[in-house]
Amino acid sequence: MKSLFEAFPEGIIVDSAHHTHSNCYKLFSFVVHDVFGKSEENVNLTRVLEMFKENNIGFKNIQVVMTDKAVHENAVLCEMLPQARPLLCQWHVITWLKKQAARYVGAAKADVKSLLSILVYAKSTEE
């Protein structure tokens, strides 16, 4: 994104998510649109986490990191926060599983959906 911003500094996209937390925090994202098909580089996430760690001594207490379905981020998160357990957002997991189940037809589709529901909502590994 840095190279795209340097090439096209005329505009940025600013997104804010309001009241997504019980404390009403606001999340602001600054985005440079990538129209060239380049994928996000891990170096960007690494740098953000380095800055976060520099400015938040409590980062050592982070026990869980929840992400969306972007698995490419997991390697960076595990490297930068080795004490934290990575988790996937339940909504993203369910949405992805529903798309996969939609490929089946008839009784197989109903069986797959039922099994996926049991797996997602299981309270233990034994269940």
N, C-alpha and C. Protein backbone atom coordinates (compact mmCIF):
# COMPACT_ATOMS: atom_id res chain seq x y z
N MET A 1 0.82 -1.18 0.00
CA MET A 1 0.00 0.00 0.00
C MET A 1 0.87 1.25 0.00
N LYS A 2 2.03 1.18 0.63
CA LYS A 2 2.90 2.34 0.67
C LYS A 2 3.31 2.75 -0.74
N SER A 3 3.71 1.77 -1.55
CA SER A 3 4.14 2.10 -2.92
C SER A 3 2.97 2.63 -3.75
N LEU A 4 1.77 2.10 -3.53
CA LEU A 4 0.61 2.61 -4.25
C LEU A 4 0.28 4.03 -3.83
N PHE A 5 0.39 4.31 -2.54
CA PHE A 5 0.12 5.67 -2.08
C PHE A 5 1.15 6.64 -2.66
N GLU A 6 2.41 6.22 -2.72
CA GLU A 6 3.44 7.08 -3.29
C GLU A 6 3.17 7.35 -4.77
N ALA A 7 2.66 6.34 -5.46
CA ALA A 7 2.37 6.49 -6.89
C ALA A 7 1.09 7.28 -7.14
N PHE A 8 0.10 7.13 -6.26
CA PHE A 8 -1.20 7.78 -6.44
C PHE A 8 -1.64 8.47 -5.15
N PRO A 9 -1.01 9.57 -4.77
CA PRO A 9 -1.33 10.22 -3.49
C PRO A 9 -2.60 11.07 -3.53
N GLU A 10 -3.28 11.10 -4.68
CA GLU A 10 -4.43 11.99 -4.83
C GLU A 10 -5.62 11.61 -3.97
N GLY A 11 -5.74 10.34 -3.65
CA GLY A 11 -6.93 9.95 -2.90
C GLY A 11 -6.68 8.74 -2.03
N ILE A 12 -7.36 8.72 -0.91
CA ILE A 12 -7.34 7.56 -0.03
C ILE A 12 -8.77 7.24 0.36
N ILE A 13 -8.98 6.05 0.82
CA ILE A 13 -10.29 5.64 1.31
C ILE A 13 -10.19 5.55 2.82
N VAL A 14 -11.09 6.22 3.51
CA VAL A 14 -11.11 6.17 4.96
C VAL A 14 -12.40 5.49 5.38
N ASP A 15 -12.27 4.46 6.17
CA ASP A 15 -13.43 3.73 6.64
C ASP A 15 -13.42 3.75 8.15
N SER A 16 -14.57 3.94 8.73
CA SER A 16 -14.64 3.88 10.20
C SER A 16 -15.79 2.97 10.60
N ALA A 17 -15.53 2.18 11.60
CA ALA A 17 -16.55 1.29 12.15
C ALA A 17 -16.89 1.83 13.54
N HIS A 18 -18.12 2.26 13.72
CA HIS A 18 -18.53 2.88 14.97
C HIS A 18 -19.24 1.88 15.87
N HIS A 19 -18.99 2.01 17.15
CA HIS A 19 -19.71 1.25 18.18
C HIS A 19 -19.65 -0.27 17.94
N THR A 20 -18.46 -0.75 17.60
CA THR A 20 -18.30 -2.18 17.39
C THR A 20 -17.89 -2.89 18.67
N HIS A 21 -17.79 -2.15 19.73
CA HIS A 21 -17.33 -2.69 21.01
C HIS A 21 -18.20 -2.10 22.11
N SER A 22 -18.30 -2.77 23.23
CA SER A 22 -19.14 -2.27 24.32
C SER A 22 -18.67 -0.91 24.85
N ASN A 23 -17.40 -0.58 24.61
CA ASN A 23 -16.88 0.72 25.03
C ASN A 23 -17.00 1.77 23.94
N CYS A 24 -17.68 1.43 22.86
CA CYS A 24 -17.94 2.35 21.74
C CYS A 24 -16.67 2.86 21.07
N TYR A 25 -15.63 2.02 20.99
CA TYR A 25 -14.42 2.41 20.27
C TYR A 25 -14.76 2.61 18.80
N LYS A 26 -13.97 3.44 18.16
CA LYS A 26 -14.11 3.64 16.72
C LYS A 26 -12.84 3.12 16.06
N LEU A 27 -13.00 2.34 15.02
CA LEU A 27 -11.87 1.80 14.27
C LEU A 27 -11.77 2.57 12.96
N PHE A 28 -10.61 3.15 12.70
CA PHE A 28 -10.39 3.87 11.46
C PHE A 28 -9.39 3.11 10.60
N SER A 29 -9.71 2.93 9.35
CA SER A 29 -8.81 2.28 8.40
C SER A 29 -8.53 3.24 7.26
N PHE A 30 -7.27 3.36 6.90
CA PHE A 30 -6.88 4.14 5.74
C PHE A 30 -6.45 3.16 4.66
N VAL A 31 -7.06 3.27 3.50
CA VAL A 31 -6.84 2.28 2.46
C VAL A 31 -6.46 2.96 1.16
N VAL A 32 -5.49 2.37 0.48
CA VAL A 32 -5.17 2.75 -0.88
C VAL A 32 -5.66 1.60 -1.75
N HIS A 33 -6.53 1.89 -2.69
CA HIS A 33 -7.13 0.84 -3.50
C HIS A 33 -6.09 0.24 -4.43
N ASP A 34 -5.99 -1.07 -4.44
CA ASP A 34 -5.03 -1.80 -5.25
C ASP A 34 -5.73 -2.32 -6.49
N VAL A 35 -5.55 -1.63 -7.61
CA VAL A 35 -6.20 -2.05 -8.85
C VAL A 35 -5.27 -2.87 -9.72
N PHE A 36 -4.09 -3.14 -9.24
CA PHE A 36 -3.11 -3.84 -10.05
C PHE A 36 -3.00 -5.32 -9.72
N GLY A 37 -3.85 -5.80 -8.82
CA GLY A 37 -3.85 -7.22 -8.50
C GLY A 37 -2.76 -7.65 -7.55
N LYS A 38 -2.06 -6.70 -6.96
CA LYS A 38 -1.02 -7.07 -5.99
C LYS A 38 -1.69 -7.51 -4.70
N SER A 39 -1.09 -8.47 -4.05
CA SER A 39 -1.64 -8.90 -2.77
C SER A 39 -0.97 -8.15 -1.64
N GLU A 40 -1.63 -8.14 -0.52
CA GLU A 40 -1.10 -7.47 0.66
C GLU A 40 0.18 -8.18 1.09
N GLU A 41 1.17 -7.41 1.45
CA GLU A 41 2.44 -7.99 1.87
C GLU A 41 2.47 -8.13 3.39
N ASN A 42 3.09 -9.19 3.84
CA ASN A 42 3.22 -9.42 5.27
C ASN A 42 4.03 -8.34 5.96
N VAL A 43 4.89 -7.67 5.19
CA VAL A 43 5.73 -6.63 5.79
C VAL A 43 4.88 -5.51 6.39
N ASN A 44 3.73 -5.23 5.80
CA ASN A 44 2.85 -4.17 6.32
C ASN A 44 2.29 -4.55 7.69
N LEU A 45 1.79 -5.76 7.81
CA LEU A 45 1.26 -6.22 9.09
C LEU A 45 2.37 -6.31 10.13
N THR A 46 3.54 -6.77 9.70
CA THR A 46 4.68 -6.86 10.62
C THR A 46 5.01 -5.48 11.17
N ARG A 47 5.05 -4.49 10.31
CA ARG A 47 5.38 -3.12 10.75
C ARG A 47 4.32 -2.58 11.70
N VAL A 48 3.05 -2.81 11.40
CA VAL A 48 1.97 -2.36 12.28
C VAL A 48 2.12 -2.99 13.66
N LEU A 49 2.40 -4.28 13.69
CA LEU A 49 2.56 -4.97 14.97
C LEU A 49 3.80 -4.49 15.72
N GLU A 50 4.87 -4.19 14.99
CA GLU A 50 6.07 -3.63 15.64
C GLU A 50 5.74 -2.30 16.31
N MET A 51 5.01 -1.45 15.59
CA MET A 51 4.63 -0.14 16.15
C MET A 51 3.70 -0.32 17.34
N PHE A 52 2.77 -1.26 17.24
CA PHE A 52 1.86 -1.53 18.34
C PHE A 52 2.65 -1.96 19.58
N LYS A 53 3.61 -2.87 19.39
CA LYS A 53 4.40 -3.37 20.51
C LYS A 53 5.26 -2.26 21.11
N GLU A 54 5.80 -1.38 20.28
CA GLU A 54 6.61 -0.26 20.77
C GLU A 54 5.79 0.68 21.64
N ASN A 55 4.52 0.82 21.34
CA ASN A 55 3.67 1.79 22.03
C ASN A 55 2.73 1.19 23.07
N ASN A 56 2.75 -0.11 23.23
CA ASN A 56 1.86 -0.78 24.17
C ASN A 56 2.61 -1.89 24.89
N ILE A 57 3.16 -1.57 26.04
CA ILE A 57 3.94 -2.57 26.79
C ILE A 57 3.09 -3.77 27.18
N GLY A 58 1.79 -3.58 27.28
CA GLY A 58 0.89 -4.67 27.66
C GLY A 58 0.70 -5.72 26.59
N PHE A 59 1.34 -5.56 25.43
CA PHE A 59 1.18 -6.54 24.36
C PHE A 59 1.59 -7.94 24.83
N LYS A 60 2.46 -8.01 25.83
CA LYS A 60 2.92 -9.30 26.34
C LYS A 60 1.79 -10.09 26.99
N ASN A 61 0.71 -9.39 27.35
CA ASN A 61 -0.42 -10.03 28.01
C ASN A 61 -1.48 -10.53 27.03
N ILE A 62 -1.30 -10.27 25.75
CA ILE A 62 -2.28 -10.72 24.76
C ILE A 62 -2.29 -12.24 24.72
N GLN A 63 -3.45 -12.82 24.93
CA GLN A 63 -3.58 -14.28 24.95
C GLN A 63 -4.29 -14.83 23.71
N VAL A 64 -5.09 -14.00 23.06
CA VAL A 64 -5.87 -14.44 21.90
C VAL A 64 -5.84 -13.36 20.83
N VAL A 65 -5.69 -13.78 19.58
CA VAL A 65 -5.80 -12.87 18.44
C VAL A 65 -6.85 -13.45 17.52
N MET A 66 -7.92 -12.69 17.28
CA MET A 66 -9.00 -13.16 16.41
C MET A 66 -8.89 -12.45 15.06
N THR A 67 -8.96 -13.23 14.00
CA THR A 67 -8.87 -12.67 12.66
C THR A 67 -10.03 -13.18 11.80
N ASP A 68 -10.13 -12.58 10.62
CA ASP A 68 -11.11 -13.08 9.66
C ASP A 68 -10.50 -14.28 8.96
N LYS A 69 -10.94 -14.58 7.79
CA LYS A 69 -10.48 -15.78 7.11
C LYS A 69 -9.13 -15.62 6.42
N ALA A 70 -8.50 -14.48 6.55
CA ALA A 70 -7.22 -14.22 5.88
C ALA A 70 -6.09 -15.01 6.54
N VAL A 71 -5.87 -16.20 6.06
CA VAL A 71 -4.91 -17.11 6.67
C VAL A 71 -3.47 -16.65 6.49
N HIS A 72 -3.22 -15.85 5.45
CA HIS A 72 -1.85 -15.40 5.22
C HIS A 72 -1.32 -14.54 6.36
N GLU A 73 -2.21 -13.99 7.17
CA GLU A 73 -1.79 -13.17 8.29
C GLU A 73 -1.34 -14.01 9.48
N ASN A 74 -1.76 -15.25 9.55
CA ASN A 74 -1.48 -16.08 10.71
C ASN A 74 0.00 -16.25 10.99
N ALA A 75 0.81 -16.43 9.96
CA ALA A 75 2.25 -16.62 10.15
C ALA A 75 2.86 -15.39 10.83
N VAL A 76 2.47 -14.21 10.37
CA VAL A 76 3.00 -12.97 10.96
C VAL A 76 2.52 -12.83 12.40
N LEU A 77 1.24 -13.08 12.63
CA LEU A 77 0.69 -12.95 13.98
C LEU A 77 1.36 -13.93 14.94
N CYS A 78 1.57 -15.15 14.50
CA CYS A 78 2.22 -16.15 15.37
C CYS A 78 3.68 -15.78 15.65
N GLU A 79 4.33 -15.19 14.67
CA GLU A 79 5.73 -14.78 14.86
C GLU A 79 5.83 -13.57 15.79
N MET A 80 4.96 -12.60 15.59
CA MET A 80 5.04 -11.35 16.35
C MET A 80 4.41 -11.46 17.73
N LEU A 81 3.45 -12.35 17.89
CA LEU A 81 2.76 -12.54 19.18
C LEU A 81 2.74 -14.04 19.51
N PRO A 82 3.90 -14.63 19.78
CA PRO A 82 3.96 -16.08 19.96
C PRO A 82 3.18 -16.60 21.17
N GLN A 83 2.92 -15.74 22.13
CA GLN A 83 2.18 -16.17 23.32
C GLN A 83 0.67 -16.22 23.08
N ALA A 84 0.22 -15.64 21.98
CA ALA A 84 -1.22 -15.53 21.71
C ALA A 84 -1.73 -16.70 20.88
N ARG A 85 -2.92 -17.14 21.22
CA ARG A 85 -3.58 -18.23 20.48
C ARG A 85 -4.38 -17.62 19.33
N PRO A 86 -4.11 -18.03 18.08
CA PRO A 86 -4.87 -17.49 16.95
C PRO A 86 -6.24 -18.15 16.84
N LEU A 87 -7.27 -17.34 16.66
CA LEU A 87 -8.63 -17.85 16.46
C LEU A 87 -9.23 -17.20 15.23
N LEU A 88 -10.09 -17.93 14.56
CA LEU A 88 -10.83 -17.38 13.43
C LEU A 88 -12.18 -16.88 13.92
N CYS A 89 -12.63 -15.78 13.35
CA CYS A 89 -13.94 -15.22 13.67
C CYS A 89 -15.02 -16.25 13.31
N GLN A 90 -15.90 -16.51 14.25
CA GLN A 90 -16.94 -17.52 14.05
C GLN A 90 -17.83 -17.18 12.85
N TRP A 91 -18.18 -15.92 12.70
CA TRP A 91 -19.04 -15.53 11.59
C TRP A 91 -18.37 -15.86 10.26
N HIS A 92 -17.08 -15.54 10.12
CA HIS A 92 -16.37 -15.83 8.88
C HIS A 92 -16.27 -17.34 8.64
N VAL A 93 -16.05 -18.10 9.68
CA VAL A 93 -15.98 -19.56 9.54
C VAL A 93 -17.32 -20.11 9.07
N ILE A 94 -18.40 -19.68 9.71
CA ILE A 94 -19.73 -20.17 9.34
C ILE A 94 -20.07 -19.78 7.90
N THR A 95 -19.78 -18.55 7.52
CA THR A 95 -20.05 -18.09 6.16
C THR A 95 -19.29 -18.94 5.14
N TRP A 96 -18.01 -19.20 5.41
CA TRP A 96 -17.21 -20.01 4.50
C TRP A 96 -17.74 -21.44 4.43
N LEU A 97 -18.08 -22.01 5.57
CA LEU A 97 -18.60 -23.38 5.59
C LEU A 97 -19.92 -23.49 4.84
N LYS A 98 -20.78 -22.48 4.97
CA LYS A 98 -22.05 -22.50 4.23
C LYS A 98 -21.81 -22.50 2.72
N LYS A 99 -20.83 -21.73 2.28
CA LYS A 99 -20.50 -21.71 0.85
C LYS A 99 -20.00 -23.08 0.39
N GLN A 100 -19.21 -23.73 1.23
CA GLN A 100 -18.71 -25.06 0.88
C GLN A 100 -19.85 -26.07 0.85
N ALA A 101 -20.76 -25.99 1.82
CA ALA A 101 -21.89 -26.92 1.89
C ALA A 101 -22.84 -26.73 0.72
N ALA A 102 -22.91 -25.53 0.18
CA ALA A 102 -23.81 -25.23 -0.93
C ALA A 102 -23.45 -26.02 -2.19
N ARG A 103 -22.25 -26.55 -2.24
CA ARG A 103 -21.83 -27.33 -3.41
C ARG A 103 -22.48 -28.71 -3.46
N TYR A 104 -23.00 -29.16 -2.34
CA TYR A 104 -23.65 -30.47 -2.28
C TYR A 104 -25.13 -30.33 -2.65
N VAL A 105 -25.75 -31.46 -2.99
CA VAL A 105 -27.17 -31.44 -3.35
C VAL A 105 -27.94 -32.46 -2.53
N GLY A 106 -29.23 -32.21 -2.41
CA GLY A 106 -30.14 -33.16 -1.77
C GLY A 106 -29.82 -33.48 -0.33
N ALA A 107 -29.94 -34.78 -0.01
CA ALA A 107 -29.75 -35.24 1.37
C ALA A 107 -28.32 -35.00 1.84
N ALA A 108 -27.36 -35.12 0.93
CA ALA A 108 -25.95 -34.89 1.30
C ALA A 108 -25.75 -33.46 1.80
N LYS A 109 -26.42 -32.52 1.14
CA LYS A 109 -26.31 -31.12 1.54
C LYS A 109 -26.86 -30.91 2.95
N ALA A 110 -28.01 -31.49 3.24
CA ALA A 110 -28.62 -31.37 4.57
C ALA A 110 -27.73 -32.01 5.62
N ASP A 111 -27.16 -33.17 5.30
CA ASP A 111 -26.26 -33.86 6.24
C ASP A 111 -25.02 -33.03 6.53
N VAL A 112 -24.43 -32.47 5.48
CA VAL A 112 -23.22 -31.66 5.65
C VAL A 112 -23.52 -30.44 6.50
N LYS A 113 -24.62 -29.75 6.22
CA LYS A 113 -24.99 -28.57 7.01
C LYS A 113 -25.21 -28.93 8.48
N SER A 114 -25.85 -30.05 8.72
CA SER A 114 -26.10 -30.49 10.09
C SER A 114 -24.79 -30.79 10.82
N LEU A 115 -23.89 -31.50 10.15
CA LEU A 115 -22.60 -31.83 10.76
C LEU A 115 -21.76 -30.57 11.02
N LEU A 116 -21.78 -29.65 10.07
CA LEU A 116 -21.03 -28.41 10.25
C LEU A 116 -21.55 -27.61 11.43
N SER A 117 -22.84 -27.59 11.59
CA SER A 117 -23.44 -26.88 12.73
C SER A 117 -23.00 -27.51 14.05
N ILE A 118 -23.00 -28.83 14.09
CA ILE A 118 -22.55 -29.53 15.31
C ILE A 118 -21.09 -29.20 15.60
N LEU A 119 -20.26 -29.20 14.56
CA LEU A 119 -18.84 -28.89 14.75
C LEU A 119 -18.62 -27.46 15.24
N VAL A 120 -19.28 -26.51 14.61
CA VAL A 120 -19.08 -25.10 14.96
C VAL A 120 -19.52 -24.80 16.39
N TYR A 121 -20.63 -25.39 16.81
CA TYR A 121 -21.18 -25.05 18.13
C TYR A 121 -20.79 -26.05 19.23
N ALA A 122 -19.89 -26.97 18.93
CA ALA A 122 -19.45 -27.93 19.95
C ALA A 122 -18.74 -27.19 21.09
N LYS A 123 -19.01 -27.60 22.30
CA LYS A 123 -18.42 -26.95 23.47
C LYS A 123 -17.10 -27.60 23.90
N SER A 124 -16.79 -28.77 23.33
CA SER A 124 -15.55 -29.45 23.66
C SER A 124 -15.10 -30.29 22.47
N THR A 125 -13.88 -30.77 22.51
CA THR A 125 -13.39 -31.62 21.42
C THR A 125 -14.08 -32.98 21.42
N GLU A 126 -14.53 -33.42 22.59
CA GLU A 126 -15.23 -34.70 22.68
C GLU A 126 -16.62 -34.62 22.06
N GLU A 127 -17.25 -33.47 22.22
CA GLU A 127 -18.61 -33.29 21.71
C GLU A 127 -18.58 -33.31 20.20
